Every structure is written in structure tokens, then in C-alpha cells.
Protein backbone atom coordinates (compact mmCIF):
# COMPACT_ATOMS: atom_id res chain seq x y z
CA MET A 1 182.04 105.79 78.97
CA SER A 2 182.31 102.50 78.55
CA VAL A 3 179.99 99.67 80.70
CA LYS A 4 182.64 96.62 81.55
CA ASP A 5 179.92 93.85 82.69
CA ILE A 6 176.68 93.30 83.16
CA LYS A 7 176.85 94.21 87.04
CA GLU A 8 177.84 97.74 86.67
CA ALA A 9 175.08 98.09 84.04
CA GLU A 10 172.18 97.01 86.40
CA LYS A 11 174.13 98.97 89.26
CA ILE A 12 173.36 102.19 86.53
CA ALA A 13 170.31 101.03 85.41
CA LEU A 14 169.17 100.86 89.33
CA ASP A 15 170.30 103.60 90.22
CA GLU A 16 168.37 106.08 86.96
CA ILE A 17 165.52 104.04 88.37
CA ARG A 18 165.76 105.08 91.92
CA LYS A 19 165.96 109.00 90.60
CA MET A 20 162.73 108.69 88.68
CA LYS A 21 160.82 105.70 90.20
CA PRO A 22 162.42 104.85 94.06
CA LYS A 23 158.78 102.87 94.79
CA LEU A 24 159.04 101.11 92.09
CA ILE A 25 162.94 99.93 92.94
CA GLU A 26 160.88 98.81 96.45
CA ASP A 27 158.79 96.89 94.81
CA VAL A 28 161.45 94.77 93.16
CA GLU A 29 163.41 94.63 96.58
CA LYS A 30 160.04 93.00 98.13
CA GLY A 31 159.17 91.03 95.36
CA ILE A 32 156.05 92.82 94.21
CA ALA A 33 157.73 93.67 90.61
CA LYS A 34 159.90 91.55 88.32
CA LYS A 35 163.20 92.39 87.40
CA GLU A 36 165.01 91.00 84.41
CA ILE A 37 168.80 91.63 82.70
CA ARG A 38 170.46 90.64 79.47
CA GLU A 39 172.94 91.57 76.75
CA TYR A 40 172.38 91.30 73.65
CA LYS A 41 174.13 92.27 69.64
CA THR A 42 172.83 94.19 66.95
CA LYS A 43 172.90 92.88 63.35
CA ARG A 44 174.87 96.14 63.37
CA ASP A 45 177.53 95.05 66.31
CA LYS A 46 176.51 97.75 68.60
CA GLU A 47 176.34 95.83 72.01
CA PHE A 48 173.29 97.04 74.75
CA TYR A 49 172.59 96.10 78.38
CA GLU A 50 168.98 95.94 79.33
CA LEU A 51 166.94 95.89 81.99
CA LYS A 52 163.23 94.95 82.43
CA ILE A 53 161.03 95.87 85.31
CA THR A 54 157.34 94.71 85.30
CA GLU A 55 154.75 95.30 87.52
CA THR A 56 150.67 94.94 87.68
CA ILE A 57 149.27 98.33 88.28
CA LYS A 58 145.55 98.07 89.28
CA LEU A 59 143.58 100.97 87.74
CA LYS A 60 139.83 101.81 88.63
CA SER A 61 136.64 102.42 86.67
CA LYS A 62 133.42 102.98 87.79
CA ASP A 63 132.22 99.78 88.36
CA LYS A 64 135.62 97.71 88.54
CA GLU A 65 138.69 97.00 89.05
CA ILE A 66 141.52 96.39 86.23
CA GLU A 67 145.16 95.00 86.38
CA LYS A 68 147.67 96.01 83.58
CA PRO A 69 151.42 95.35 83.83
CA GLN A 70 153.51 98.52 83.21
CA ILE A 71 156.91 97.70 82.16
CA THR A 72 159.60 99.98 82.93
CA ILE A 73 163.40 99.31 80.48
CA ILE A 74 166.71 100.90 80.47
CA THR A 75 168.86 100.05 77.65
CA ILE A 76 172.41 101.16 78.03
CA ASN A 77 175.18 100.73 75.15
CA LYS A 78 178.17 98.87 76.14
CA LYS A 79 180.33 101.37 74.56
CA THR A 80 179.37 104.49 75.01
CA GLY A 81 177.40 104.14 78.31
CA GLU A 82 174.34 106.03 76.64
CA LYS A 83 171.04 105.36 78.16
CA LYS A 84 167.44 105.48 76.86
CA ILE A 85 164.36 104.78 79.34
CA SER A 86 161.08 103.70 78.02
CA VAL A 87 158.45 103.11 80.04
CA SER A 88 154.85 101.38 78.90
CA GLY A 89 151.36 102.24 80.21
């Protein structure tokens, strides 16, 4: 199933993240996490939409607290609608 535009891709990606990590969507809505969406084409003329959400997470060690970014990316093939999900950290 093809994805007609960037708004549809954003909705699909957010729905997918909501299933996995509902708190992350809440953090986006509250402005705690940052959301970016873009469209791009590869050298082989494949077209994709990419939604990236970045949040800072806090980790505690024995004597200190560390902040590090956690990035969630959903890439959607514009032609087929196939989704790939990547999470760092």
C-alpha cells in the first residue's frame, strides 16, 4: 500500500510508536521529546518518509546521573508502505 503524503506517513509512524512506546508520544505532545519528519530519495530512486523522535534519558550509576539521547526512527517506503523501526540506546 503506497503512502500518499508526508502527513499520512507521520500518522502511520506515530501510531506505530504509540503501540510500542505510548509514553514517548506523550513526551512529544508535552514538548519533552523532539519530533522531526522528512522525505528523501536514495541513489536508486527509492523514496522514503522518516520520522525521528529524540528524547534525553537519565541513567543512574553509583555516584552520578548521566543523560544520553535516545533516538527512535521509523522509516516508511513511500511506494510499498513497508515500515522499519530503529531505536538507539
